Structure formats: structure tokens, C-alpha cells
Protein backbone atom coordinates (compact mmCIF):
# COMPACT_ATOMS: atom_id res chain seq x y z
CA MET A 1 -19.03 -52.39 46.45
CA ALA A 2 -15.85 -50.45 45.99
CA ASP A 3 -16.08 -47.08 44.31
CA HIS A 4 -13.80 -47.10 41.26
CA LYS A 5 -14.99 -43.88 39.65
CA ASN A 6 -11.66 -42.15 40.29
CA ASP A 7 -9.49 -45.12 39.30
CA LYS A 8 -8.42 -43.58 35.98
CA PRO A 9 -4.81 -42.65 35.19
CA GLY A 10 -4.13 -39.04 36.09
CA LYS A 11 -7.53 -38.51 37.68
CA GLY A 12 -8.58 -38.04 41.28
CA PRO A 13 -6.62 -36.90 44.32
CA GLY A 14 -3.13 -38.23 44.69
CA ARG A 15 -2.92 -39.35 41.06
CA GLU A 16 -0.04 -38.26 38.81
CA SER A 17 0.24 -38.28 35.07
CA TRP A 18 2.62 -40.85 33.55
CA LEU A 19 4.83 -38.00 32.33
CA ALA A 20 5.14 -36.53 35.81
CA ARG A 21 6.06 -39.96 37.22
CA ILE A 22 8.87 -40.70 34.77
CA ALA A 23 10.17 -37.09 34.56
CA PRO A 24 9.51 -35.25 37.84
CA GLY A 25 9.33 -31.48 37.48
CA VAL A 26 8.64 -31.56 33.77
CA ARG A 27 5.26 -29.83 34.23
CA GLY A 28 6.92 -26.66 35.47
CA ALA A 29 9.78 -26.73 33.00
CA PHE A 30 7.81 -25.01 30.28
CA THR A 31 5.40 -22.14 30.74
CA ARG A 32 3.00 -20.61 28.24
CA ARG A 33 5.02 -17.41 28.26
CA GLU A 34 8.04 -19.29 26.88
CA THR A 35 6.08 -20.40 23.82
CA PRO A 36 5.93 -17.47 21.36
CA GLU A 37 2.49 -16.65 20.05
CA ASN A 38 1.91 -16.49 16.28
CA LEU A 39 5.33 -17.98 15.55
CA TRP A 40 4.01 -19.08 12.15
CA VAL A 41 1.98 -16.93 9.76
CA LYS A 42 -0.20 -18.38 7.01
CA CYS A 43 0.27 -16.98 3.51
CA PRO A 44 -3.16 -15.77 2.26
CA ASP A 45 -2.34 -16.84 -1.29
CA THR A 46 -0.73 -20.26 -0.99
CA GLY A 47 -1.66 -21.39 2.52
CA GLU A 48 2.04 -21.90 3.25
CA MET A 49 3.08 -21.49 6.89
CA ILE A 50 5.87 -18.91 7.09
CA TYR A 51 8.27 -18.57 10.00
CA ARG A 52 7.47 -15.18 11.51
CA PRO A 53 11.09 -13.94 11.89
CA ASP A 54 11.67 -14.73 8.20
CA LEU A 55 8.55 -12.79 7.27
CA GLU A 56 9.64 -9.83 9.38
CA ALA A 57 13.08 -9.89 7.75
CA ALA A 58 11.31 -9.75 4.36
CA GLN A 59 9.32 -6.67 5.47
CA TRP A 60 6.14 -8.75 5.62
CA VAL A 61 6.28 -9.80 1.99
CA THR A 62 5.57 -13.51 1.55
CA PRO A 63 7.59 -15.81 -0.76
CA ALA A 64 4.58 -15.70 -3.11
CA GLY A 65 4.95 -11.92 -3.33
CA ARG A 66 1.93 -10.94 -1.21
CA HIS A 67 2.55 -7.57 0.44
CA MET A 68 0.82 -8.09 3.75
CA ARG A 69 -0.75 -5.22 5.67
CA ILE A 70 1.50 -3.52 8.21
CA GLY A 71 1.00 -0.84 10.85
CA PRO A 72 2.44 2.69 11.12
CA THR A 73 5.48 1.84 13.26
CA GLN A 74 6.68 -0.82 10.83
CA ARG A 75 5.96 1.43 7.87
CA PHE A 76 7.96 4.29 9.38
CA LYS A 77 10.90 1.98 10.11
CA TYR A 78 10.92 0.62 6.57
CA THR A 79 10.60 4.07 4.98
CA PHE A 80 12.82 6.50 6.88
CA ASP A 81 16.62 6.47 6.68
CA ASN A 82 18.18 4.21 9.33
CA ALA A 83 14.69 3.55 10.72
CA THR A 84 14.99 6.91 12.51
CA PHE A 85 11.98 9.19 12.76
CA GLU A 86 10.10 11.61 14.98
CA VAL A 87 6.49 10.75 15.71
CA LEU A 88 4.33 13.87 15.42
CA PRO A 89 1.24 14.37 17.60
CA THR A 90 -2.22 13.91 16.09
CA PRO A 91 -5.01 16.33 17.04
CA ALA A 92 -7.66 15.29 19.56
CA VAL A 93 -11.25 15.39 18.33
CA PHE A 94 -14.69 15.10 19.90
CA GLU A 95 -15.52 11.40 20.02
CA ASP A 96 -18.85 9.80 19.18
CA PRO A 97 -20.68 13.05 18.29
CA LEU A 98 -23.74 11.07 17.08
CA LYS A 99 -23.88 8.65 20.06
CA PHE A 100 -23.84 5.93 17.43
CA SER A 101 -24.54 2.27 18.12
CA ASP A 102 -24.93 -0.66 15.77
CA GLY A 103 -25.44 -3.17 18.52
CA LYS A 104 -22.13 -2.06 20.01
CA SER A 105 -21.42 1.55 20.89
CA TYR A 106 -18.95 3.54 18.81
CA LYS A 107 -16.95 4.33 21.95
CA ASP A 108 -16.58 0.62 22.66
CA ARG A 109 -15.40 0.00 19.11
CA LEU A 110 -12.82 2.77 19.43
CA SER A 111 -11.58 1.34 22.72
CA ALA A 112 -11.28 -2.14 21.21
CA ALA A 113 -9.37 -0.82 18.18
CA ARG A 114 -7.00 1.17 20.39
CA LYS A 115 -6.33 -1.85 22.56
CA ALA A 116 -5.71 -4.10 19.55
CA THR A 117 -3.43 -1.71 17.62
CA GLY A 118 -1.87 0.54 20.25
CA GLU A 119 -2.79 3.52 18.06
CA THR A 120 -5.08 6.43 18.90
CA ASP A 121 -6.87 6.30 15.56
CA ALA A 122 -6.40 5.16 11.98
CA VAL A 123 -3.75 7.74 10.98
CA ALA A 124 -0.26 8.27 12.39
CA ILE A 125 2.31 10.92 11.39
CA ALA A 126 6.10 11.04 11.56
CA ALA A 127 8.96 13.14 10.20
CA GLY A 128 12.45 12.16 9.13
CA THR A 129 14.56 11.79 6.02
CA ILE A 130 14.07 9.52 3.02
CA GLY A 131 17.17 9.13 0.89
CA GLY A 132 18.58 12.18 2.64
CA GLN A 133 15.54 14.33 1.82
CA GLY A 134 13.40 15.59 4.67
CA ALA A 135 9.75 14.52 4.57
CA VAL A 136 6.59 14.20 6.62
CA VAL A 137 4.95 10.78 6.27
CA LEU A 138 1.33 9.92 7.01
CA VAL A 139 0.29 6.27 7.39
CA GLN A 140 -3.23 4.83 7.50
CA ASP A 141 -3.61 1.69 9.57
CA PHE A 142 -6.17 -0.71 8.10
CA ALA A 143 -6.14 -2.68 11.35
CA PHE A 144 -7.79 0.29 13.07
CA MET A 145 -11.45 0.00 12.07
CA GLY A 146 -10.53 -0.68 8.46
CA GLY A 147 -8.46 2.51 8.22
CA SER A 148 -11.76 4.35 7.96
CA LEU A 149 -11.77 8.10 7.38
CA GLY A 150 -13.33 9.96 10.29
CA MET A 151 -12.80 13.28 12.02
CA ALA A 152 -9.59 12.13 13.73
CA ALA A 153 -8.09 10.89 10.46
CA GLY A 154 -9.11 14.09 8.66
CA GLU A 155 -7.58 16.30 11.36
CA SER A 156 -4.41 14.20 11.29
CA PHE A 157 -4.10 14.61 7.53
CA ILE A 158 -4.45 18.37 7.87
CA ALA A 159 -1.89 18.38 10.71
CA ALA A 160 0.54 16.40 8.51
CA ALA A 161 0.10 18.85 5.62
CA ARG A 162 0.73 21.82 7.90
CA ALA A 163 3.78 20.15 9.45
CA ALA A 164 5.16 19.69 5.93
CA GLN A 165 4.60 23.38 5.22
CA GLU A 166 6.25 24.46 8.48
CA ARG A 167 9.29 22.31 7.70
CA GLN A 168 9.20 23.12 3.98
CA VAL A 169 9.39 19.44 3.06
CA PRO A 170 7.22 17.09 0.97
CA LEU A 171 4.28 15.11 2.31
CA VAL A 172 4.08 11.36 1.64
CA ALA A 173 0.81 9.52 2.35
CA PHE A 174 0.55 5.73 2.64
CA THR A 175 -3.15 5.03 2.17
CA ALA A 176 -5.12 1.96 3.32
CA ALA A 177 -8.83 2.28 3.96
CA GLY A 178 -12.23 0.75 3.53
CA GLY A 179 -13.81 4.19 3.13
CA ALA A 180 -15.52 6.74 5.35
CA ARG A 181 -16.38 5.91 8.96
CA MET A 182 -20.12 5.33 9.06
CA GLN A 183 -20.32 5.88 12.83
CA GLU A 184 -19.69 9.59 12.21
CA GLY A 185 -22.18 10.02 9.37
CA ALA A 186 -21.86 13.23 7.33
CA LEU A 187 -19.05 14.42 9.61
CA SER A 188 -16.81 11.73 8.12
CA LEU A 189 -17.76 12.70 4.56
CA MET A 190 -16.78 16.30 5.29
CA GLN A 191 -13.18 15.12 5.70
CA MET A 192 -12.98 14.42 1.98
CA ALA A 193 -13.37 18.14 1.24
CA ARG A 194 -11.19 19.24 4.15
CA THR A 195 -8.26 17.04 3.16
CA THR A 196 -8.58 18.23 -0.44
CA LEU A 197 -8.20 21.83 0.76
CA ALA A 198 -5.12 20.84 2.75
CA ILE A 199 -3.58 19.43 -0.44
CA GLN A 200 -4.31 22.68 -2.24
CA GLU A 201 -2.36 24.50 0.46
CA LEU A 202 0.60 22.22 -0.23
CA LYS A 203 0.38 22.96 -3.93
CA GLN A 204 0.27 26.70 -3.25
CA ALA A 205 3.41 26.29 -1.13
CA LYS A 206 4.97 24.37 -4.08
CA LEU A 207 5.60 21.31 -1.93
CA PRO A 208 5.31 17.81 -3.41
CA TYR A 209 2.55 15.47 -2.30
CA ILE A 210 3.27 11.80 -3.05
CA VAL A 211 0.76 8.99 -2.50
CA VAL A 212 1.69 5.34 -1.96
CA LEU A 213 -1.41 3.21 -2.43
CA THR A 214 -1.42 0.03 -0.33
CA ASP A 215 -3.89 -2.81 0.03
CA PRO A 216 -6.73 -1.92 0.17
CA THR A 217 -7.42 1.71 -0.70
CA THR A 218 -11.14 2.13 -1.37
CA GLY A 219 -14.23 4.29 -0.87
CA GLY A 220 -14.10 7.95 0.10
CA VAL A 221 -10.33 7.87 0.58
CA THR A 222 -9.87 6.91 -3.08
CA ALA A 223 -12.41 9.59 -4.00
CA SER A 224 -10.34 12.27 -2.24
CA TYR A 225 -6.71 12.55 -1.10
CA ALA A 226 -5.56 9.12 -2.34
CA MET A 227 -5.96 10.25 -5.95
CA LEU A 228 -4.73 13.85 -5.65
CA GLY A 229 -0.99 13.23 -5.44
CA ASP A 230 1.63 14.66 -7.78
CA ILE A 231 2.83 11.06 -8.23
CA HIS A 232 1.04 7.83 -7.35
CA LEU A 233 3.00 4.73 -6.43
CA ALA A 234 1.38 1.44 -5.44
CA GLU A 235 2.52 -1.75 -3.78
CA PRO A 236 2.14 -4.93 -5.86
CA GLY A 237 -1.29 -6.53 -5.82
CA ALA A 238 -2.98 -3.69 -3.94
CA LEU A 239 -6.75 -3.33 -4.35
CA ILE A 240 -7.44 0.27 -5.40
CA ALA A 241 -11.05 1.19 -6.02
CA PHE A 242 -14.09 3.19 -5.02
CA ALA A 243 -16.55 0.30 -4.98
CA GLY A 244 -15.11 -3.20 -4.71
CA PRO A 245 -15.20 -5.72 -7.57
CA ARG A 246 -17.94 -7.84 -5.97
CA VAL A 247 -20.27 -4.83 -5.74
CA ILE A 248 -19.54 -3.89 -9.36
CA GLU A 249 -20.17 -7.43 -10.63
CA GLN A 250 -23.48 -7.59 -8.76
CA THR A 251 -24.49 -4.20 -10.17
CA ILE A 252 -23.57 -4.66 -13.84
CA ARG A 253 -24.06 -8.46 -13.84
CA GLU A 254 -20.84 -8.96 -15.76
CA THR A 255 -17.66 -10.86 -14.97
CA LEU A 256 -14.77 -8.46 -14.48
CA PRO A 257 -11.40 -9.03 -16.20
CA PRO A 258 -8.60 -10.75 -14.22
CA GLY A 259 -6.72 -8.42 -11.90
CA PHE A 260 -9.40 -5.74 -12.19
CA GLN A 261 -8.74 -2.86 -9.75
CA ARG A 262 -5.37 -4.24 -8.73
CA SER A 263 -2.33 -1.97 -8.90
CA GLU A 264 -0.80 -3.69 -11.97
CA TYR A 265 -4.06 -3.30 -13.91
CA LEU A 266 -4.34 0.36 -12.92
CA VAL A 267 -0.82 1.15 -14.13
CA GLU A 268 -1.90 -0.02 -17.58
CA LYS A 269 -4.96 2.26 -17.38
CA GLY A 270 -2.96 5.30 -16.26
CA MET A 271 -4.45 5.57 -12.79
CA VAL A 272 -1.18 4.65 -11.05
CA ASP A 273 2.27 5.84 -12.13
CA ARG A 274 4.35 2.91 -10.92
CA VAL A 275 4.06 -0.35 -9.00
CA THR A 276 6.94 -0.54 -6.54
CA PRO A 277 7.83 -3.44 -4.24
CA ARG A 278 8.05 -2.56 -0.55
CA SER A 279 11.79 -3.15 -0.37
CA GLU A 280 12.38 -0.62 -3.17
CA LEU A 281 10.08 2.11 -1.90
CA PRO A 282 12.63 4.09 0.17
CA ALA A 283 15.05 4.39 -2.77
CA VAL A 284 12.29 5.27 -5.24
CA LEU A 285 10.68 7.78 -2.89
CA GLY A 286 14.05 9.33 -2.06
CA SER A 287 14.86 9.80 -5.74
CA ILE A 288 11.44 11.31 -6.51
CA LEU A 289 11.47 13.65 -3.53
CA LYS A 290 14.99 14.93 -4.17
CA THR A 291 14.17 15.52 -7.84
CA LEU A 292 10.98 17.44 -7.05
CA MET A 293 12.76 19.47 -4.36
CA LEU A 294 15.76 20.45 -6.51
CA GLY A 295 16.91 23.92 -5.65
CA ARG A 296 14.96 24.13 -2.41
CA GLY A 297 16.03 21.07 -0.41
CA ARG A 298 15.99 21.52 3.31
CA SER A 299 16.89 19.35 6.29
CA ILE A 300 14.07 18.03 8.43
CA ALA A 301 15.76 19.59 11.47
CA ALA A 302 15.76 23.07 9.94
């Protein structure tokens, strides 16, 4: 009996697909590299698929108004004049002091986060001008282990505050965090006090400290430097809290009001000074910084 197990179209040696037969060479005409990855991005609010270049042109703000999370490089480009800035080094710290593991070692988690984001840790620093006023800007990257506050982030905040003092310019902090980094235990909680002291040094030097709260800013970051600014701005719809709404509802067994802990709600309660869309932030920040630095303005290159 004849063996017909390979007599299926496109199967077995010597067989060709119908597409290859009618259009020779078509298989090699397109490669995976020529097909852009993530060309469409789904809006978290509406489910709408948004063309990525359009979303980038809108500074990662969806048509529905959702201010999506962005990394330090994008934030610096959107904030500094002419997208020109100088990246400042962040201090090196001793890694994994507790030899922590939660099924995966802390060192492995750090390596994975660095590979995914291209950043050393959750905080990056840069200097430049905003509306013509020199400034040092600190950005927390939520994509790096939830923007968690650990020793590296604490040291970077202190380095940013000292760079502002050396240059005699304001410090602007864009916050985004899920809280303290549990893999460092009490060492992470110590950064709340250390960053607070760094802010006091800025105040003694009579230099402005402005905070821009982005989604989400929670936990120990909210309980420390995120709420110690001279002025607090917030992006629309940002979650700003110590404990999240789900935890609060489970604790008090009550339904929270609509928009609870969102930036618009917190403006009404006096916790935030102004909600500012991303596209307007450079102009608003520039105006605030120049006003607060009247009589002592100084170029970032000085």
C-alpha cells in the first residue's frame, strides 16, 4: 500500500506552499525585522487601538485624555527647552545588602529591570533650562520595579538636591512610585528621612523645590519628598495616595467617592495646587521657576 502520510499541501520534502508556487521569492520578501513591534497601543480607558507615532506625537496622552506612564528620557525631552539636557550621574550603592529572595533573587530582579528599561535604577537626573530658567530635574521611572524607593533612589535624590545647590538652581521632581522597596527592608525606609533632610538643605539655600505628581505616586514616596514641595503640580487622573483605594475600602468597609485619590479630587481638598496637562507643564514650570527665582536667576552653565 502506498504511503500517503506526506501527501498534504505544503508538507513533506519537495513540497511548496501555494503562495510560493504562484509568487516565487515572496517568502523572503518580508522579514520580521521589517514589521515594527508594538505599532498599535491599546488605550487603557476605552480599549481603542492608537497608532503609536500619533501617541508619541501627543506626548503619550491618549485621545481619551489618559496620561500614560513614560520613562526618564521622554520626560526630560518633553520638559527641557529644545529637548536639550545634560544627564547627571547617579551614585553607585551596595546592591542586595540583605541577600533577599522572594522566589527570585533581588539581584536577578535588578538585572531584569535594567534590561527592560535601560536604566540603572528607578531614578534618573538631568540638568538644563525650563522656560529659560536653569533647573535640575529628577524623574522616577515606574517601569523600574514600580519606581520603588530604595538606597539607589535615595542617593540619587540627594545627589540631585546637591547638584541644584552647586548650580544655584531649583530642583524639580517628577514622582511615580509604588512605595518603598521591600527587598531592602529598613534600609529603604531610611531613605524617607534622608531625602527629607536633603529638601531642608534646599530650603536653607533658598532654592525652590517643585514636585510634579504623576500616576501613580503612593506609599513611602507620598509620605516623604512627594509632599514636601513648595508647589505641587499633578498630571490629570494621577493616583496620589499612601494606601490605595482598594486597601482603604477593605479596611473601612465603605465605598469611596468617585475619583477618590485622583489628582482632580486632591486639588479640591487642597493637597495639590494645580492639575496641569503634560503638554502645558514646561510653560507652567518655567513661569513658576522664574517667579520663585526673581532676583537670583542663574544660567545652568554658570
